[in-house]
């Protein structure tokens, strides 16, 4: 998972120690796809058993458009028991998510360290 995240430039999942810590948290489901001894896809999901949030999905460039991402998401649905998965997407990945049964909604990513305050 860390190598895939690093290849995509995603720092959160690029640190193997952080990945282990995050994967051991309650309500977390992680899956990897391995081909010929190599990790070619990985996914990470947070779930309360009803709603879920996909925090990470990456597929190696040379294995994209082969069903790896779709299978990983299917495995996460089955493992978590979630009735829906919410996610944020990059523009480059939108076509993939649009190919799945979906309802497109606007989203936000809030950051406490950026300008502005959460205090009234």
N, C-alpha and C. Protein backbone atom coordinates (compact mmCIF):
# COMPACT_ATOMS: atom_id res chain seq x y z
N UNK A 1 0.83 -1.18 0.00
CA UNK A 1 0.00 0.00 0.00
C UNK A 1 0.88 1.25 0.00
N UNK A 2 1.94 1.24 0.78
CA UNK A 2 2.82 2.41 0.89
C UNK A 2 3.47 2.75 -0.45
N UNK A 3 3.92 1.73 -1.17
CA UNK A 3 4.57 1.99 -2.46
C UNK A 3 3.57 2.57 -3.47
N UNK A 4 2.34 2.09 -3.46
CA UNK A 4 1.32 2.64 -4.36
C UNK A 4 1.02 4.09 -4.00
N UNK A 5 0.91 4.38 -2.70
CA UNK A 5 0.65 5.75 -2.27
C UNK A 5 1.80 6.68 -2.65
N UNK A 6 3.01 6.20 -2.47
CA UNK A 6 4.17 7.02 -2.82
C UNK A 6 4.20 7.30 -4.32
N UNK A 7 3.87 6.30 -5.13
CA UNK A 7 3.84 6.49 -6.58
C UNK A 7 2.81 7.53 -7.00
N UNK A 8 1.73 7.64 -6.22
CA UNK A 8 0.68 8.62 -6.53
C UNK A 8 0.95 9.98 -5.89
N UNK A 9 1.97 10.06 -5.00
CA UNK A 9 2.26 11.31 -4.32
C UNK A 9 1.33 11.60 -3.16
N UNK A 10 0.83 10.54 -2.53
CA UNK A 10 -0.10 10.67 -1.41
C UNK A 10 0.66 10.41 -0.11
N UNK A 11 1.00 11.44 0.65
CA UNK A 11 1.86 11.26 1.83
C UNK A 11 1.21 10.48 2.98
N UNK A 12 -0.08 10.57 3.18
CA UNK A 12 -0.71 9.92 4.33
C UNK A 12 -0.43 8.42 4.36
N UNK A 13 -0.54 7.77 3.23
CA UNK A 13 -0.36 6.32 3.18
C UNK A 13 1.02 5.92 2.67
N UNK A 14 1.93 6.86 2.52
CA UNK A 14 3.28 6.54 2.06
C UNK A 14 4.18 6.03 3.18
N UNK A 15 3.81 6.27 4.42
CA UNK A 15 4.59 5.85 5.59
C UNK A 15 4.11 4.48 6.06
N UNK A 16 4.92 3.41 5.92
CA UNK A 16 4.48 2.07 6.30
C UNK A 16 4.06 1.95 7.77
N UNK A 17 4.72 2.66 8.67
CA UNK A 17 4.33 2.60 10.09
C UNK A 17 2.94 3.20 10.30
N UNK A 18 2.66 4.29 9.61
CA UNK A 18 1.33 4.91 9.71
C UNK A 18 0.27 3.97 9.14
N UNK A 19 0.57 3.32 8.03
CA UNK A 19 -0.38 2.39 7.43
C UNK A 19 -0.73 1.27 8.40
N UNK A 20 0.27 0.71 9.07
CA UNK A 20 0.01 -0.35 10.06
C UNK A 20 -0.86 0.16 11.19
N UNK A 21 -0.57 1.35 11.69
CA UNK A 21 -1.34 1.92 12.79
C UNK A 21 -2.78 2.19 12.35
N UNK A 22 -2.96 2.79 11.19
CA UNK A 22 -4.30 3.09 10.70
C UNK A 22 -5.10 1.81 10.41
N UNK A 23 -4.44 0.80 9.90
CA UNK A 23 -5.12 -0.45 9.54
C UNK A 23 -5.58 -1.24 10.75
N UNK A 24 -4.98 -0.98 11.91
CA UNK A 24 -5.35 -1.71 13.13
C UNK A 24 -6.46 -1.02 13.91
N UNK A 25 -6.90 0.15 13.48
CA UNK A 25 -7.93 0.89 14.20
C UNK A 25 -9.29 0.21 14.07
N UNK A 26 -10.16 0.36 15.08
CA UNK A 26 -11.51 -0.22 15.00
C UNK A 26 -12.28 0.33 13.80
N UNK A 27 -13.05 -0.53 13.15
CA UNK A 27 -13.88 -0.10 12.03
C UNK A 27 -13.14 0.10 10.72
N UNK A 28 -11.88 -0.35 10.67
CA UNK A 28 -11.07 -0.19 9.46
C UNK A 28 -11.01 -1.51 8.71
N UNK A 29 -11.15 -1.42 7.41
CA UNK A 29 -11.03 -2.58 6.53
C UNK A 29 -10.03 -2.23 5.44
N UNK A 30 -9.04 -3.08 5.27
CA UNK A 30 -8.03 -2.88 4.21
C UNK A 30 -7.96 -4.13 3.36
N UNK A 31 -7.76 -3.94 2.09
CA UNK A 31 -7.60 -5.06 1.18
C UNK A 31 -6.47 -4.72 0.20
N UNK A 32 -5.75 -5.76 -0.23
CA UNK A 32 -4.72 -5.59 -1.25
C UNK A 32 -4.96 -6.61 -2.36
N UNK A 33 -4.55 -6.25 -3.56
CA UNK A 33 -4.58 -7.16 -4.70
C UNK A 33 -3.14 -7.48 -5.05
N UNK A 34 -2.83 -8.76 -5.15
CA UNK A 34 -1.47 -9.21 -5.44
C UNK A 34 -1.49 -10.01 -6.73
N UNK A 35 -0.58 -9.69 -7.61
CA UNK A 35 -0.39 -10.42 -8.87
C UNK A 35 1.08 -10.79 -8.98
N UNK A 36 1.35 -12.07 -9.13
CA UNK A 36 2.73 -12.56 -9.29
C UNK A 36 3.64 -12.04 -8.19
N UNK A 37 3.14 -12.06 -6.94
CA UNK A 37 3.93 -11.66 -5.80
C UNK A 37 4.10 -10.17 -5.60
N UNK A 38 3.41 -9.36 -6.39
CA UNK A 38 3.53 -7.90 -6.32
C UNK A 38 2.18 -7.29 -5.95
N UNK A 39 2.19 -6.33 -5.01
CA UNK A 39 0.96 -5.61 -4.68
C UNK A 39 0.65 -4.66 -5.83
N UNK A 40 -0.51 -4.87 -6.46
CA UNK A 40 -0.89 -4.04 -7.61
C UNK A 40 -2.10 -3.16 -7.32
N UNK A 41 -2.69 -3.36 -6.15
CA UNK A 41 -3.84 -2.53 -5.76
C UNK A 41 -4.03 -2.60 -4.27
N UNK A 42 -4.57 -1.53 -3.71
CA UNK A 42 -4.84 -1.49 -2.28
C UNK A 42 -5.99 -0.54 -2.00
N UNK A 43 -6.75 -0.85 -0.96
CA UNK A 43 -7.88 -0.01 -0.57
C UNK A 43 -8.00 -0.01 0.94
N UNK A 44 -8.50 1.11 1.47
CA UNK A 44 -8.63 1.31 2.90
C UNK A 44 -9.98 1.99 3.15
N UNK A 45 -10.76 1.45 4.09
CA UNK A 45 -12.13 1.91 4.31
C UNK A 45 -12.40 2.05 5.80
N UNK A 46 -13.12 3.09 6.19
CA UNK A 46 -13.61 3.26 7.56
C UNK A 46 -15.10 2.99 7.53
N UNK A 47 -15.61 2.21 8.51
CA UNK A 47 -17.03 1.89 8.48
C UNK A 47 -17.60 1.72 9.88
N UNK A 48 -18.87 2.10 10.02
CA UNK A 48 -19.60 1.82 11.25
C UNK A 48 -20.55 0.64 11.05
N UNK A 49 -20.40 -0.06 9.94
CA UNK A 49 -21.25 -1.20 9.62
C UNK A 49 -22.46 -0.83 8.78
N UNK A 50 -22.73 0.43 8.64
CA UNK A 50 -23.84 0.90 7.81
C UNK A 50 -23.32 1.89 6.75
N UNK A 51 -22.66 2.95 7.21
CA UNK A 51 -22.03 3.91 6.32
C UNK A 51 -20.54 3.64 6.30
N UNK A 52 -19.90 3.98 5.19
CA UNK A 52 -18.45 3.78 5.09
C UNK A 52 -17.84 4.93 4.31
N UNK A 53 -16.55 5.10 4.54
CA UNK A 53 -15.81 6.14 3.83
C UNK A 53 -14.54 5.51 3.27
N UNK A 54 -14.37 5.60 1.97
CA UNK A 54 -13.18 5.08 1.29
C UNK A 54 -12.09 6.12 1.41
N UNK A 55 -11.05 5.82 2.18
CA UNK A 55 -9.99 6.79 2.40
C UNK A 55 -8.85 6.61 1.40
N UNK A 56 -8.75 5.44 0.78
CA UNK A 56 -7.62 5.16 -0.10
C UNK A 56 -8.00 4.08 -1.09
N UNK A 57 -7.74 4.32 -2.35
CA UNK A 57 -7.83 3.29 -3.39
C UNK A 57 -6.78 3.62 -4.42
N UNK A 58 -5.88 2.71 -4.64
CA UNK A 58 -4.85 2.92 -5.66
C UNK A 58 -4.59 1.60 -6.39
N UNK A 59 -4.38 1.71 -7.68
CA UNK A 59 -4.05 0.56 -8.51
C UNK A 59 -2.81 0.94 -9.32
N UNK A 60 -1.85 0.03 -9.36
CA UNK A 60 -0.63 0.28 -10.13
C UNK A 60 -0.99 0.61 -11.58
N UNK A 61 -0.27 1.54 -12.15
CA UNK A 61 -0.57 2.02 -13.51
C UNK A 61 -0.70 0.88 -14.51
N UNK A 62 0.18 -0.10 -14.42
CA UNK A 62 0.16 -1.19 -15.40
C UNK A 62 -0.94 -2.22 -15.15
N UNK A 63 -1.76 -2.02 -14.11
CA UNK A 63 -2.88 -2.92 -13.83
C UNK A 63 -4.23 -2.21 -13.83
N UNK A 64 -4.26 -0.96 -14.24
CA UNK A 64 -5.52 -0.22 -14.28
C UNK A 64 -6.37 -0.70 -15.46
N UNK A 65 -7.66 -0.52 -15.31
CA UNK A 65 -8.66 -0.90 -16.32
C UNK A 65 -8.75 -2.41 -16.49
N UNK A 66 -8.33 -3.14 -15.43
CA UNK A 66 -8.42 -4.60 -15.46
C UNK A 66 -9.34 -5.16 -14.39
N UNK A 67 -10.09 -4.31 -13.70
CA UNK A 67 -11.04 -4.76 -12.69
C UNK A 67 -10.50 -4.82 -11.27
N UNK A 68 -9.24 -4.46 -11.07
CA UNK A 68 -8.64 -4.54 -9.73
C UNK A 68 -9.37 -3.62 -8.76
N UNK A 69 -9.54 -2.35 -9.11
CA UNK A 69 -10.22 -1.39 -8.23
C UNK A 69 -11.65 -1.80 -7.94
N UNK A 70 -12.35 -2.23 -8.96
CA UNK A 70 -13.75 -2.66 -8.80
C UNK A 70 -13.84 -3.85 -7.84
N UNK A 71 -12.91 -4.82 -7.97
CA UNK A 71 -12.92 -5.98 -7.07
C UNK A 71 -12.59 -5.57 -5.64
N UNK A 72 -11.63 -4.66 -5.47
CA UNK A 72 -11.29 -4.21 -4.12
C UNK A 72 -12.48 -3.54 -3.45
N UNK A 73 -13.19 -2.70 -4.17
CA UNK A 73 -14.37 -2.04 -3.60
C UNK A 73 -15.45 -3.08 -3.26
N UNK A 74 -15.65 -4.05 -4.13
CA UNK A 74 -16.62 -5.12 -3.84
C UNK A 74 -16.25 -5.89 -2.58
N UNK A 75 -14.97 -6.20 -2.41
CA UNK A 75 -14.52 -6.90 -1.21
C UNK A 75 -14.75 -6.04 0.03
N UNK A 76 -14.52 -4.74 -0.07
CA UNK A 76 -14.75 -3.86 1.08
C UNK A 76 -16.23 -3.78 1.44
N UNK A 77 -17.10 -3.74 0.44
CA UNK A 77 -18.54 -3.76 0.72
C UNK A 77 -18.91 -5.03 1.49
N UNK A 78 -18.45 -6.18 1.00
CA UNK A 78 -18.78 -7.45 1.65
C UNK A 78 -18.20 -7.54 3.06
N UNK A 79 -16.95 -7.16 3.23
CA UNK A 79 -16.29 -7.28 4.52
C UNK A 79 -16.89 -6.34 5.57
N UNK A 80 -17.23 -5.13 5.18
CA UNK A 80 -17.70 -4.13 6.13
C UNK A 80 -19.19 -4.21 6.41
N UNK A 81 -19.96 -4.77 5.48
CA UNK A 81 -21.41 -4.79 5.62
C UNK A 81 -22.05 -3.43 5.35
N UNK A 82 -21.28 -2.48 4.87
CA UNK A 82 -21.79 -1.14 4.62
C UNK A 82 -22.83 -1.15 3.50
N UNK A 83 -23.80 -0.25 3.62
CA UNK A 83 -24.81 -0.11 2.59
C UNK A 83 -24.43 0.94 1.56
N UNK A 84 -23.45 1.78 1.91
CA UNK A 84 -22.96 2.77 0.95
C UNK A 84 -21.54 3.14 1.34
N UNK A 85 -20.80 3.59 0.36
CA UNK A 85 -19.44 4.09 0.57
C UNK A 85 -19.37 5.51 0.04
N UNK A 86 -18.94 6.43 0.88
CA UNK A 86 -18.70 7.81 0.46
C UNK A 86 -17.20 7.97 0.21
N UNK A 87 -16.84 8.94 -0.63
CA UNK A 87 -15.42 9.16 -0.94
C UNK A 87 -15.23 10.52 -1.58
N UNK A 88 -14.01 10.98 -1.54
CA UNK A 88 -13.57 12.12 -2.33
C UNK A 88 -12.75 11.57 -3.47
N UNK A 89 -12.76 12.24 -4.60
CA UNK A 89 -12.05 11.74 -5.77
C UNK A 89 -11.22 12.85 -6.40
N UNK A 90 -10.15 12.46 -7.05
CA UNK A 90 -9.41 13.39 -7.88
C UNK A 90 -10.10 13.44 -9.25
N UNK A 91 -9.94 14.54 -9.97
CA UNK A 91 -10.55 14.61 -11.30
C UNK A 91 -10.12 13.45 -12.21
N UNK A 92 -8.88 13.00 -12.06
CA UNK A 92 -8.38 11.90 -12.91
C UNK A 92 -9.10 10.58 -12.63
N UNK A 93 -9.63 10.42 -11.42
CA UNK A 93 -10.29 9.16 -11.05
C UNK A 93 -11.81 9.22 -11.20
N UNK A 94 -12.36 10.39 -11.52
CA UNK A 94 -13.81 10.52 -11.60
C UNK A 94 -14.45 9.53 -12.56
N UNK A 95 -13.86 9.30 -13.71
CA UNK A 95 -14.46 8.38 -14.69
C UNK A 95 -14.60 6.98 -14.12
N UNK A 96 -13.59 6.54 -13.33
CA UNK A 96 -13.69 5.22 -12.71
C UNK A 96 -14.90 5.16 -11.78
N UNK A 97 -15.03 6.12 -10.87
CA UNK A 97 -16.14 6.08 -9.91
C UNK A 97 -17.48 6.28 -10.60
N UNK A 98 -17.51 7.05 -11.68
CA UNK A 98 -18.75 7.22 -12.43
C UNK A 98 -19.17 5.93 -13.12
N UNK A 99 -18.23 5.00 -13.34
CA UNK A 99 -18.56 3.72 -13.98
C UNK A 99 -19.21 2.75 -12.99
N UNK A 100 -19.20 3.08 -11.72
CA UNK A 100 -19.80 2.24 -10.67
C UNK A 100 -21.18 2.78 -10.33
N UNK A 101 -22.06 1.94 -9.76
CA UNK A 101 -23.35 2.47 -9.31
C UNK A 101 -23.09 3.58 -8.27
N UNK A 102 -23.61 4.79 -8.52
CA UNK A 102 -23.25 5.90 -7.65
C UNK A 102 -24.31 6.99 -7.63
N UNK A 103 -24.18 7.86 -6.65
CA UNK A 103 -24.90 9.12 -6.57
C UNK A 103 -23.83 10.18 -6.36
N UNK A 104 -23.65 11.08 -7.29
CA UNK A 104 -22.62 12.11 -7.17
C UNK A 104 -23.11 13.22 -6.25
N UNK A 105 -22.29 13.55 -5.26
CA UNK A 105 -22.59 14.63 -4.31
C UNK A 105 -21.35 15.51 -4.18
N UNK A 106 -21.54 16.77 -3.84
CA UNK A 106 -20.40 17.65 -3.58
C UNK A 106 -19.78 17.28 -2.24
N UNK A 107 -18.48 17.54 -2.08
CA UNK A 107 -17.81 17.23 -0.83
C UNK A 107 -16.80 18.29 -0.45
N UNK A 108 -16.33 18.19 0.78
CA UNK A 108 -15.33 19.11 1.29
C UNK A 108 -14.33 18.32 2.11
N UNK A 109 -13.14 18.85 2.22
CA UNK A 109 -12.11 18.32 3.12
C UNK A 109 -11.70 19.46 4.03
N UNK A 110 -12.02 19.36 5.31
CA UNK A 110 -11.73 20.41 6.28
C UNK A 110 -10.37 20.18 6.91
N UNK A 111 -9.62 21.25 7.13
CA UNK A 111 -8.28 21.18 7.71
C UNK A 111 -8.19 22.18 8.86
N UNK A 112 -7.95 21.74 10.09
CA UNK A 112 -7.88 22.66 11.22
C UNK A 112 -6.68 23.59 11.18
N UNK A 113 -5.60 23.24 10.49
CA UNK A 113 -4.41 24.06 10.47
C UNK A 113 -4.40 25.16 9.43
N UNK A 114 -5.43 25.22 8.57
CA UNK A 114 -5.45 26.23 7.54
C UNK A 114 -6.18 27.47 8.04
N UNK A 115 -6.14 28.54 7.26
CA UNK A 115 -6.77 29.80 7.69
C UNK A 115 -8.22 29.58 8.03
N UNK A 116 -8.68 30.35 8.97
CA UNK A 116 -10.04 30.21 9.46
C UNK A 116 -10.02 29.53 10.80
N UNK A 117 -11.17 29.46 11.40
CA UNK A 117 -11.26 28.88 12.74
C UNK A 117 -12.55 28.10 12.86
N UNK A 118 -12.54 27.09 13.71
CA UNK A 118 -13.74 26.33 13.99
C UNK A 118 -14.45 26.89 15.21
N UNK A 119 -13.81 27.85 15.89
CA UNK A 119 -14.42 28.47 17.06
C UNK A 119 -15.40 29.53 16.61
N UNK A 120 -16.54 29.66 17.32
CA UNK A 120 -17.53 30.69 16.94
C UNK A 120 -17.01 32.08 17.14
